[in-house]
C-alpha atoms as a PDB file:
ATOM      1  CA  MET A   1      54.668  -4.900 -70.232  1.00  0.00           C
ATOM      2  CA  ASN A   2      56.413  -1.615 -69.512  1.00  0.00           C
ATOM      3  CA  TRP A   3      55.165   1.797 -70.527  1.00  0.00           C
ATOM      4  CA  THR A   4      58.113   3.200 -72.470  1.00  0.00           C
ATOM      5  CA  ASP A   5      58.236   6.860 -73.439  1.00  0.00           C
ATOM      6  CA  GLU A   6      57.596   5.837 -77.047  1.00  0.00           C
ATOM      7  CA  ARG A   7      54.475   3.842 -76.128  1.00  0.00           C
ATOM      8  CA  VAL A   8      53.179   6.651 -73.888  1.00  0.00           C
ATOM      9  CA  GLU A   9      53.567   9.164 -76.731  1.00  0.00           C
ATOM     10  CA  LYS A  10      51.730   6.811 -79.111  1.00  0.00           C
ATOM     11  CA  LEU A  11      48.991   6.387 -76.485  1.00  0.00           C
ATOM     12  CA  LYS A  12      48.610  10.173 -76.140  1.00  0.00           C
ATOM     13  CA  LYS A  13      48.464  10.589 -79.934  1.00  0.00           C
ATOM     14  CA  LEU A  14      45.848   7.856 -80.426  1.00  0.00           C
ATOM     15  CA  TRP A  15      43.815   9.129 -77.465  1.00  0.00           C
ATOM     16  CA  SER A  16      43.748  12.669 -78.849  1.00  0.00           C
ATOM     17  CA  GLU A  17      42.584  11.279 -82.219  1.00  0.00           C
ATOM     18  CA  GLY A  18      39.510   9.877 -80.472  1.00  0.00           C
ATOM     19  CA  LEU A  19      40.259   6.153 -80.645  1.00  0.00           C
ATOM     20  CA  SER A  20      38.638   3.943 -78.028  1.00  0.00           C
ATOM     21  CA  ALA A  21      40.682   2.239 -75.316  1.00  0.00           C
ATOM     22  CA  SER A  22      40.124  -1.121 -77.030  1.00  0.00           C
ATOM     23  CA  GLN A  23      41.396   0.208 -80.355  1.00  0.00           C
ATOM     24  CA  ILE A  24      44.444   1.769 -78.699  1.00  0.00           C
ATOM     25  CA  ALA A  25      45.197  -1.503 -76.865  1.00  0.00           C
ATOM     26  CA  ALA A  26      45.031  -3.403 -80.174  1.00  0.00           C
ATOM     27  CA  GLN A  27      47.412  -0.949 -81.894  1.00  0.00           C
ATOM     28  CA  LEU A  28      49.905  -0.916 -79.013  1.00  0.00           C
ATOM     29  CA  GLY A  29      49.782  -4.708 -78.624  1.00  0.00           C
ATOM     30  CA  GLY A  30      50.570  -6.586 -75.424  1.00  0.00           C
ATOM     31  CA  VAL A  31      48.334  -4.347 -73.311  1.00  0.00           C
ATOM     32  CA  SER A  32      44.713  -4.655 -72.219  1.00  0.00           C
ATOM     33  CA  ARG A  33      41.915  -2.135 -72.597  1.00  0.00           C
ATOM     34  CA  ASN A  34      41.874  -1.632 -68.813  1.00  0.00           C
ATOM     35  CA  ALA A  35      45.625  -0.957 -68.804  1.00  0.00           C
ATOM     36  CA  VAL A  36      45.068   1.777 -71.410  1.00  0.00           C
ATOM     37  CA  ILE A  37      42.238   3.300 -69.359  1.00  0.00           C
ATOM     38  CA  GLY A  38      44.396   3.215 -66.209  1.00  0.00           C
ATOM     39  CA  LYS A  39      47.346   4.879 -67.946  1.00  0.00           C
ATOM     40  CA  VAL A  40      45.105   7.566 -69.454  1.00  0.00           C
ATOM     41  CA  HIS A  41      43.738   8.245 -65.974  1.00  0.00           C
ATOM     42  CA  ARG A  42      47.215   8.406 -64.393  1.00  0.00           C
ATOM     43  CA  LEU A  43      48.403  10.756 -67.154  1.00  0.00           C
ATOM     44  CA  SER A  44      45.312  12.922 -66.548  1.00  0.00           C
ATOM     45  CA  LEU A  45      44.612  13.102 -70.257  1.00  0.00           C
ATOM     46  CA  PRO A  46      41.552  15.138 -71.224  1.00  0.00           C
ATOM     47  CA  GLY A  47      38.421  13.465 -72.567  1.00  0.00           C
ATOM     48  CA  ARG A  48      38.714  12.104 -76.086  1.00  0.00           C
ATOM     49  CA  ALA A  49      37.565  14.085 -79.072  1.00  0.00           C
ATOM     50  CA  LYS A  50      34.198  12.760 -80.116  1.00  0.00           C
ATOM     51  CA  ALA A  51      32.801  12.581 -83.615  1.00  0.00           C
ATOM     52  CA  GLY A  52      30.461  15.489 -84.319  1.00  0.00           C
ATOM     53  CA  GLY A  53      31.856  18.074 -81.900  1.00  0.00           C
ATOM     54  CA  THR A  54      34.352  18.986 -79.232  1.00  0.00           C
ATOM     55  CA  ALA A  55      34.591  17.362 -75.836  1.00  0.00           C
ATOM     56  CA  THR A  56      32.968  20.376 -74.170  1.00  0.00           C
ATOM     57  CA  ALA A  57      30.056  20.434 -76.625  1.00  0.00           C
ATOM     58  CA  ALA A  58      29.314  16.746 -75.980  1.00  0.00           C
ATOM     59  CA  ARG A  59      28.900  17.231 -72.245  1.00  0.00           C
ATOM     60  CA  ALA A  60      25.386  17.269 -70.857  1.00  0.00           C
ATOM     61  CA  PRO A  61      24.224  20.702 -69.688  1.00  0.00           C
ATOM     62  CA  LYS A  62      24.130  21.234 -65.938  1.00  0.00           C
ATOM     63  CA  ARG A  63      20.792  20.510 -64.333  1.00  0.00           C
ATOM     64  CA  THR A  64      19.041  23.440 -62.817  1.00  0.00           C
ATOM     65  CA  THR A  65      17.180  22.990 -59.586  1.00  0.00           C
ATOM     66  CA  SER A  66      13.461  23.507 -59.658  1.00  0.00           C
ATOM     67  CA  ALA A  67      11.670  26.018 -57.497  1.00  0.00           C
ATOM     68  CA  PRO A  68      10.629  24.805 -54.032  1.00  0.00           C
ATOM     69  CA  ARG A  69       7.280  23.081 -53.946  1.00  0.00           C
ATOM     70  CA  ALA A  70       4.240  24.751 -52.528  1.00  0.00           C
ATOM     71  CA  PRO A  71       3.187  23.599 -49.041  1.00  0.00           C
ATOM     72  CA  ASN A  72       0.034  21.997 -50.446  1.00  0.00           C
ATOM     73  CA  TYR A  73       1.065  18.962 -52.462  1.00  0.00           C
ATOM     74  CA  ALA A  74      -2.033  18.922 -54.628  1.00  0.00           C
ATOM     75  CA  SER A  75      -1.962  16.878 -57.795  1.00  0.00           C
ATOM     76  CA  ARG A  76      -0.596  18.820 -60.714  1.00  0.00           C
ATOM     77  CA  ILE A  77       1.126  18.250 -64.002  1.00  0.00           C
ATOM     78  CA  ALA A  78       4.687  19.504 -64.145  1.00  0.00           C
ATOM     79  CA  THR A  79       6.768  19.977 -67.281  1.00  0.00           C
ATOM     80  CA  ARG A  80      10.488  19.464 -67.169  1.00  0.00           C
ATOM     81  CA  THR A  81      13.243  19.178 -69.747  1.00  0.00           C
ATOM     82  CA  VAL A  82      14.953  15.827 -69.913  1.00  0.00           C
ATOM     83  CA  THR A  83      18.206  15.212 -71.782  1.00  0.00           C
ATOM     84  CA  ARG A  84      18.501  11.730 -73.196  1.00  0.00           C
ATOM     85  CA  GLN A  85      21.430  10.286 -75.049  1.00  0.00           C
ATOM     86  CA  GLN A  86      20.595   8.623 -78.327  1.00  0.00           C
ATOM     87  CA  GLY A  87      23.389   7.437 -80.569  1.00  0.00           C
ATOM     88  CA  ALA A  88      26.092  10.077 -80.815  1.00  0.00           C
ATOM     89  CA  THR A  89      23.761  13.012 -80.168  1.00  0.00           C
ATOM     90  CA  MET A  90      22.018  14.430 -77.156  1.00  0.00           C
ATOM     91  CA  LEU A  91      18.313  15.169 -77.463  1.00  0.00           C
ATOM     92  CA  LYS A  92      16.242  17.513 -75.348  1.00  0.00           C
ATOM     93  CA  GLU A  93      12.589  16.802 -74.991  1.00  0.00           C
ATOM     94  CA  GLU A  94       9.813  18.208 -72.872  1.00  0.00           C
ATOM     95  CA  ILE A  95       7.827  15.599 -70.983  1.00  0.00           C
ATOM     96  CA  GLU A  96       4.816  15.969 -68.737  1.00  0.00           C
ATOM     97  CA  ILE A  97       4.992  14.378 -65.325  1.00  0.00           C
ATOM     98  CA  GLU A  98       1.903  13.761 -63.278  1.00  0.00           C
ATOM     99  CA  THR A  99       2.733  14.094 -59.609  1.00  0.00           C
ATOM    100  CA  ALA A 100       0.958  11.946 -57.062  1.00  0.00           C
ATOM    101  CA  GLU A 101      -1.402  13.644 -54.706  1.00  0.00           C
ATOM    102  CA  GLU A 102      -1.146  13.241 -50.978  1.00  0.00           C
ATOM    103  CA  MET A 103      -3.900  11.080 -49.528  1.00  0.00           C
ATOM    104  CA  GLU A 104      -5.628  12.141 -46.350  1.00  0.00           C
ATOM    105  CA  TYR A 105      -6.096   9.478 -43.674  1.00  0.00           C
ATOM    106  CA  VAL A 106      -9.727   8.955 -42.743  1.00  0.00           C
ATOM    107  CA  PRO A 107     -10.156   6.493 -39.871  1.00  0.00           C
ATOM    108  CA  ALA A 108     -12.906   3.923 -40.190  1.00  0.00           C
ATOM    109  CA  LYS A 109     -15.977   4.403 -38.034  1.00  0.00           C
ATOM    110  CA  ASN A 110     -17.459   1.841 -35.635  1.00  0.00           C
ATOM    111  CA  VAL A 111     -14.265  -0.190 -35.300  1.00  0.00           C
ATOM    112  CA  VAL A 112     -13.806  -2.161 -32.127  1.00  0.00           C
ATOM    113  CA  VAL A 113     -10.145  -2.354 -31.181  1.00  0.00           C
ATOM    114  CA  PRO A 114      -9.401  -5.435 -29.068  1.00  0.00           C
ATOM    115  CA  ILE A 115      -7.724  -4.985 -25.714  1.00  0.00           C
ATOM    116  CA  SER A 116      -4.224  -6.277 -26.203  1.00  0.00           C
ATOM    117  CA  ARG A 117      -2.461  -8.452 -23.660  1.00  0.00           C
ATOM    118  CA  ARG A 118       0.777  -6.386 -23.955  1.00  0.00           C
ATOM    119  CA  LEU A 119       3.203  -9.302 -24.327  1.00  0.00           C
ATOM    120  CA  GLY A 120       6.965  -9.051 -24.613  1.00  0.00           C
ATOM    121  CA  LEU A 121       8.932 -10.875 -27.288  1.00  0.00           C
ATOM    122  CA  THR A 122       9.796 -13.808 -25.034  1.00  0.00           C
ATOM    123  CA  GLU A 123       6.143 -14.278 -24.034  1.00  0.00           C
ATOM    124  CA  LEU A 124       4.830 -14.826 -27.607  1.00  0.00           C
ATOM    125  CA  THR A 125       3.659 -18.269 -28.686  1.00  0.00           C
ATOM    126  CA  GLU A 126       2.411 -19.776 -31.941  1.00  0.00           C
ATOM    127  CA  ARG A 127      -1.175 -18.875 -31.001  1.00  0.00           C
ATOM    128  CA  THR A 128      -0.650 -15.220 -29.974  1.00  0.00           C
ATOM    129  CA  CYS A 129      -0.890 -12.107 -32.145  1.00  0.00           C
ATOM    130  CA  LYS A 130       2.529 -10.777 -33.064  1.00  0.00           C
ATOM    131  CA  TRP A 131       1.395  -7.266 -34.064  1.00  0.00           C
ATOM    132  CA  PRO A 132       4.009  -4.788 -32.781  1.00  0.00           C
ATOM    133  CA  VAL A 133       2.781  -1.743 -30.872  1.00  0.00           C
ATOM    134  CA  GLY A 134       4.969   1.307 -30.284  1.00  0.00           C
ATOM    135  CA  ASP A 135       8.629   2.026 -30.907  1.00  0.00           C
ATOM    136  CA  PRO A 136      10.907  -1.037 -30.539  1.00  0.00           C
ATOM    137  CA  MET A 137      13.639   1.205 -29.137  1.00  0.00           C
ATOM    138  CA  LYS A 138      11.471   2.379 -26.207  1.00  0.00           C
ATOM    139  CA  ASP A 139      10.720   0.564 -22.957  1.00  0.00           C
ATOM    140  CA  ASP A 140       6.932   0.657 -23.480  1.00  0.00           C
ATOM    141  CA  PHE A 141       7.106  -1.461 -26.685  1.00  0.00           C
ATOM    142  CA  TYR A 142       4.971  -4.612 -26.734  1.00  0.00           C
ATOM    143  CA  PHE A 143       3.059  -7.052 -28.957  1.00  0.00           C
ATOM    144  CA  CYS A 144      -0.731  -7.375 -29.144  1.00  0.00           C
ATOM    145  CA  GLY A 145      -0.809 -10.924 -27.708  1.00  0.00           C
ATOM    146  CA  CYS A 146      -4.491 -11.678 -28.447  1.00  0.00           C
ATOM    147  CA  ASP A 147      -5.431 -15.147 -29.700  1.00  0.00           C
ATOM    148  CA  SER A 148      -4.573 -15.733 -33.372  1.00  0.00           C
ATOM    149  CA  THR A 149      -5.800 -18.331 -35.841  1.00  0.00           C
ATOM    150  CA  ASP A 150      -3.657 -21.261 -36.933  1.00  0.00           C
ATOM    151  CA  SER A 151      -2.924 -19.768 -40.351  1.00  0.00           C
ATOM    152  CA  SER A 152      -1.934 -16.231 -39.309  1.00  0.00           C
ATOM    153  CA  PRO A 153       0.524 -14.548 -36.969  1.00  0.00           C
ATOM    154  CA  TYR A 154      -2.137 -11.908 -36.176  1.00  0.00           C
ATOM    155  CA  CYS A 155      -5.473 -11.757 -34.395  1.00  0.00           C
ATOM    156  CA  SER A 156      -8.603 -11.151 -36.509  1.00  0.00           C
ATOM    157  CA  TYR A 157      -8.422  -7.363 -35.995  1.00  0.00           C
ATOM    158  CA  HIS A 158      -4.777  -7.047 -37.028  1.00  0.00           C
ATOM    159  CA  GLN A 159      -5.321  -9.479 -39.934  1.00  0.00           C
ATOM    160  CA  ARG A 160      -7.724  -6.954 -41.445  1.00  0.00           C
ATOM    161  CA  LEU A 161      -5.103  -4.221 -41.101  1.00  0.00           C
ATOM    162  CA  ALA A 162      -2.246  -6.294 -42.487  1.00  0.00           C
ATOM    163  CA  TYR A 163      -3.986  -8.106 -45.326  1.00  0.00           C
ATOM    164  CA  GLN A 164      -6.178  -5.768 -47.352  1.00  0.00           C
ATOM    165  CA  PRO A 165      -7.905  -7.222 -50.419  1.00  0.00           C
ATOM    166  CA  VAL A 166      -6.658  -5.806 -53.714  1.00  0.00           C
ATOM    167  CA  SER A 167     -10.047  -4.275 -54.538  1.00  0.00           C
ATOM    168  CA  GLU A 168     -10.038  -2.250 -51.289  1.00  0.00           C
ATOM    169  CA  ARG A 169      -6.518  -0.954 -51.939  1.00  0.00           C
ATOM    170  CA  ARG A 170      -7.546   0.175 -55.430  1.00  0.00           C
ATOM    171  CA  LYS A 171     -10.651   1.906 -54.001  1.00  0.00           C
ATOM    172  CA  ALA A 172      -8.507   3.734 -51.437  1.00  0.00           C
ATOM    173  CA  VAL A 173      -6.232   5.044 -54.193  1.00  0.00           C
ATOM    174  CA  ARG A 174      -9.151   6.241 -56.356  1.00  0.00           C
ATOM    175  CA  VAL A 175     -11.022   7.895 -53.481  1.00  0.00           C
ATOM    176  CA  GLY A 176      -7.989   9.867 -52.218  1.00  0.00           C
END
């Protein structure tokens, strides 16, 4: 299918009337919706006229940036305007957003940390703890290497760090 001058003019006319690419393709015949979209793009035609207003009125307003946050990230409720599209109209609504508060790390007391065997990757076996220690990109990186149980890749100490019961995780969130 070739785009003759006559077909291009008809495309421009239908596009300016606000018809969809599918409707234009059906009226032109022998051309797909995607071919219409591609030709409109190559012709740099402006956005179609939409029902209920001009093309500029239908555009979403530009988002404004919010003020920088305070250095303390305490929990607070923020209000922001959200534009949501519904049908052929744009609605603005104010919603309240509850921001998460930063939790402070409190180390547990009376914890005995096992002395690790400082094994390299090639020294690990099925019965050694595979807890990584340090930065893998540095030379002083190693694995714990203590004895592990049959059912876990970690020693008993690192099991407690890796697998926290759900109730403890919920308590940690509430306390913080």
